[in-house]
């Protein structure tokens, strides 16, 4: 039973990582399309492009943090817990400052 729980948890963790990668990939493509559209016409501003991309990155960071928590959830060692704590702090800080900048940019627009 424990082995099955571990396999399910790891599978969900990998799925979350793949979803985060797909989210960033789609955001990059969308950002490039919007940027080239910006060069041709002025339908969208650089700030709007940055806000859209930043929002996607923020979602991806949250997905990756969730994936790391799941990967560490089944029988973690102290080394695994320490790595998770460091990753969680870094990703949370990145997400916090990214969200703060996005809110600031939205208020300016």
C-alpha atoms as a PDB file:
ATOM      1  CA  UNK A   1       0.000   0.000   0.000  1.00  0.00           C
ATOM      2  CA  UNK A   2       2.804   2.408   0.885  1.00  0.00           C
ATOM      3  CA  UNK A   3       4.561   1.664  -2.399  1.00  0.00           C
ATOM      4  CA  UNK A   4       1.380   2.398  -4.355  1.00  0.00           C
ATOM      5  CA  UNK A   5       0.904   5.697  -2.508  1.00  0.00           C
ATOM      6  CA  UNK A   6       4.504   6.618  -3.298  1.00  0.00           C
ATOM      7  CA  UNK A   7       4.040   5.835  -7.011  1.00  0.00           C
ATOM      8  CA  UNK A   8       0.813   7.864  -7.201  1.00  0.00           C
ATOM      9  CA  UNK A   9       2.407  10.810  -5.421  1.00  0.00           C
ATOM     10  CA  UNK A  10       5.493  10.767  -7.674  1.00  0.00           C
ATOM     11  CA  UNK A  11       3.292  10.479 -10.787  1.00  0.00           C
ATOM     12  CA  UNK A  12       1.199  13.472  -9.725  1.00  0.00           C
ATOM     13  CA  UNK A  13       4.401  15.388  -8.941  1.00  0.00           C
ATOM     14  CA  UNK A  14       5.754  14.687 -12.436  1.00  0.00           C
ATOM     15  CA  UNK A  15       2.409  15.692 -13.961  1.00  0.00           C
ATOM     16  CA  UNK A  16       2.538  19.028 -12.105  1.00  0.00           C
ATOM     17  CA  UNK A  17       6.092  19.628 -13.363  1.00  0.00           C
ATOM     18  CA  UNK A  18       5.019  18.854 -16.933  1.00  0.00           C
ATOM     19  CA  UNK A  19       2.020  21.167 -16.571  1.00  0.00           C
ATOM     20  CA  UNK A  20       4.310  23.944 -15.305  1.00  0.00           C
ATOM     21  CA  UNK A  21       6.633  23.453 -18.291  1.00  0.00           C
ATOM     22  CA  UNK A  22       3.693  23.512 -20.713  1.00  0.00           C
ATOM     23  CA  UNK A  23       2.367  26.671 -19.049  1.00  0.00           C
ATOM     24  CA  UNK A  24       5.707  28.427 -19.455  1.00  0.00           C
ATOM     25  CA  UNK A  25       6.061  27.172 -23.038  1.00  0.00           C
ATOM     26  CA  UNK A  26       2.625  28.480 -24.007  1.00  0.00           C
ATOM     27  CA  UNK A  27       3.367  31.774 -22.230  1.00  0.00           C
ATOM     28  CA  UNK A  28       6.622  32.163 -24.178  1.00  0.00           C
ATOM     29  CA  UNK A  29       4.873  31.545 -27.498  1.00  0.00           C
ATOM     30  CA  UNK A  30       2.058  33.938 -26.579  1.00  0.00           C
ATOM     31  CA  UNK A  31       4.559  36.567 -25.431  1.00  0.00           C
ATOM     32  CA  UNK A  32       6.510  36.324 -28.684  1.00  0.00           C
ATOM     33  CA  UNK A  33       3.328  36.592 -30.758  1.00  0.00           C
ATOM     34  CA  UNK A  34       2.180  39.603 -28.748  1.00  0.00           C
ATOM     35  CA  UNK A  35       5.605  41.218 -29.041  1.00  0.00           C
ATOM     36  CA  UNK A  36       5.705  40.811 -32.819  1.00  0.00           C
ATOM     37  CA  UNK A  37       2.152  42.159 -32.936  1.00  0.00           C
ATOM     38  CA  UNK A  38       3.375  45.136 -30.903  1.00  0.00           C
ATOM     39  CA  UNK A  39       6.075  45.825 -33.481  1.00  0.00           C
ATOM     40  CA  UNK A  40       3.485  45.905 -36.288  1.00  0.00           C
ATOM     41  CA  UNK A  41       0.653  47.694 -34.485  1.00  0.00           C
ATOM     42  CA  UNK A  42       0.206  49.277 -31.099  1.00  0.00           C
ATOM     43  CA  UNK A  43      -2.718  47.081 -29.959  1.00  0.00           C
ATOM     44  CA  UNK A  44      -0.968  45.870 -26.813  1.00  0.00           C
ATOM     45  CA  UNK A  45       1.626  47.587 -24.628  1.00  0.00           C
ATOM     46  CA  UNK A  46       4.908  46.185 -23.390  1.00  0.00           C
ATOM     47  CA  UNK A  47       3.587  46.366 -19.845  1.00  0.00           C
ATOM     48  CA  UNK A  48       0.544  44.253 -20.733  1.00  0.00           C
ATOM     49  CA  UNK A  49       2.818  41.681 -22.358  1.00  0.00           C
ATOM     50  CA  UNK A  50       4.993  41.574 -19.237  1.00  0.00           C
ATOM     51  CA  UNK A  51       1.965  41.232 -16.940  1.00  0.00           C
ATOM     52  CA  UNK A  52       0.562  38.341 -18.982  1.00  0.00           C
ATOM     53  CA  UNK A  53       3.915  36.552 -19.050  1.00  0.00           C
ATOM     54  CA  UNK A  54       4.597  37.264 -15.381  1.00  0.00           C
ATOM     55  CA  UNK A  55       1.214  35.849 -14.399  1.00  0.00           C
ATOM     56  CA  UNK A  56       2.003  32.631 -16.252  1.00  0.00           C
ATOM     57  CA  UNK A  57       5.385  32.388 -14.572  1.00  0.00           C
ATOM     58  CA  UNK A  58       3.755  32.902 -11.164  1.00  0.00           C
ATOM     59  CA  UNK A  59       1.318  30.043 -11.830  1.00  0.00           C
ATOM     60  CA  UNK A  60       4.207  27.849 -12.984  1.00  0.00           C
ATOM     61  CA  UNK A  61       6.197  28.616  -9.820  1.00  0.00           C
ATOM     62  CA  UNK A  62       3.231  27.561  -7.697  1.00  0.00           C
ATOM     63  CA  UNK A  63       2.848  24.332  -9.679  1.00  0.00           C
ATOM     64  CA  UNK A  64       6.548  23.564  -9.294  1.00  0.00           C
ATOM     65  CA  UNK A  65       6.416  24.206  -5.559  1.00  0.00           C
ATOM     66  CA  UNK A  66       3.456  21.843  -5.269  1.00  0.00           C
ATOM     67  CA  UNK A  67       5.350  19.226  -7.278  1.00  0.00           C
ATOM     68  CA  UNK A  68       8.344  19.540  -4.954  1.00  0.00           C
ATOM     69  CA  UNK A  69       6.138  19.152  -1.884  1.00  0.00           C
ATOM     70  CA  UNK A  70       4.557  16.019  -3.351  1.00  0.00           C
ATOM     71  CA  UNK A  71       7.921  14.549  -4.336  1.00  0.00           C
ATOM     72  CA  UNK A  72       9.198  15.034  -0.794  1.00  0.00           C
ATOM     73  CA  UNK A  73       5.990  13.919   0.957  1.00  0.00           C
ATOM     74  CA  UNK A  74       6.628  10.175   0.875  1.00  0.00           C
ATOM     75  CA  UNK A  75       9.307   9.061   3.359  1.00  0.00           C
ATOM     76  CA  UNK A  76      11.549  12.130   3.156  1.00  0.00           C
ATOM     77  CA  UNK A  77      15.051  12.238   4.586  1.00  0.00           C
ATOM     78  CA  UNK A  78      16.320  15.276   6.492  1.00  0.00           C
ATOM     79  CA  UNK A  79      18.364  16.168   3.420  1.00  0.00           C
ATOM     80  CA  UNK A  80      15.189  16.101   1.291  1.00  0.00           C
ATOM     81  CA  UNK A  81      13.356  18.269   3.819  1.00  0.00           C
ATOM     82  CA  UNK A  82      16.221  20.791   3.857  1.00  0.00           C
ATOM     83  CA  UNK A  83      16.259  20.974   0.054  1.00  0.00           C
ATOM     84  CA  UNK A  84      12.490  21.398  -0.026  1.00  0.00           C
ATOM     85  CA  UNK A  85      12.674  24.198   2.540  1.00  0.00           C
ATOM     86  CA  UNK A  86      15.322  26.032   0.507  1.00  0.00           C
ATOM     87  CA  UNK A  87      13.376  25.578  -2.730  1.00  0.00           C
ATOM     88  CA  UNK A  88      10.133  26.671  -1.057  1.00  0.00           C
ATOM     89  CA  UNK A  89      11.721  29.839   0.324  1.00  0.00           C
ATOM     90  CA  UNK A  90      13.321  30.765  -3.007  1.00  0.00           C
ATOM     91  CA  UNK A  91      10.197  30.086  -5.079  1.00  0.00           C
ATOM     92  CA  UNK A  92       7.932  31.818  -2.578  1.00  0.00           C
ATOM     93  CA  UNK A  93      10.137  34.910  -2.574  1.00  0.00           C
ATOM     94  CA  UNK A  94      10.290  34.923  -6.364  1.00  0.00           C
ATOM     95  CA  UNK A  95       6.538  34.605  -6.544  1.00  0.00           C
ATOM     96  CA  UNK A  96       5.994  37.312  -3.923  1.00  0.00           C
ATOM     97  CA  UNK A  97       8.159  39.876  -5.682  1.00  0.00           C
ATOM     98  CA  UNK A  98       6.762  38.925  -9.081  1.00  0.00           C
ATOM     99  CA  UNK A  99       3.187  39.375  -7.849  1.00  0.00           C
ATOM    100  CA  UNK A 100       4.130  42.688  -6.249  1.00  0.00           C
ATOM    101  CA  UNK A 101       5.635  43.956  -9.495  1.00  0.00           C
ATOM    102  CA  UNK A 102       2.620  42.755 -11.481  1.00  0.00           C
ATOM    103  CA  UNK A 103       0.213  44.573  -9.162  1.00  0.00           C
ATOM    104  CA  UNK A 104       2.339  47.716  -9.440  1.00  0.00           C
ATOM    105  CA  UNK A 105       2.326  47.485 -13.225  1.00  0.00           C
ATOM    106  CA  UNK A 106      -1.456  46.925 -13.319  1.00  0.00           C
ATOM    107  CA  UNK A 107      -2.004  49.983 -11.122  1.00  0.00           C
ATOM    108  CA  UNK A 108       0.113  52.091 -13.488  1.00  0.00           C
ATOM    109  CA  UNK A 109      -1.848  50.954 -16.550  1.00  0.00           C
END
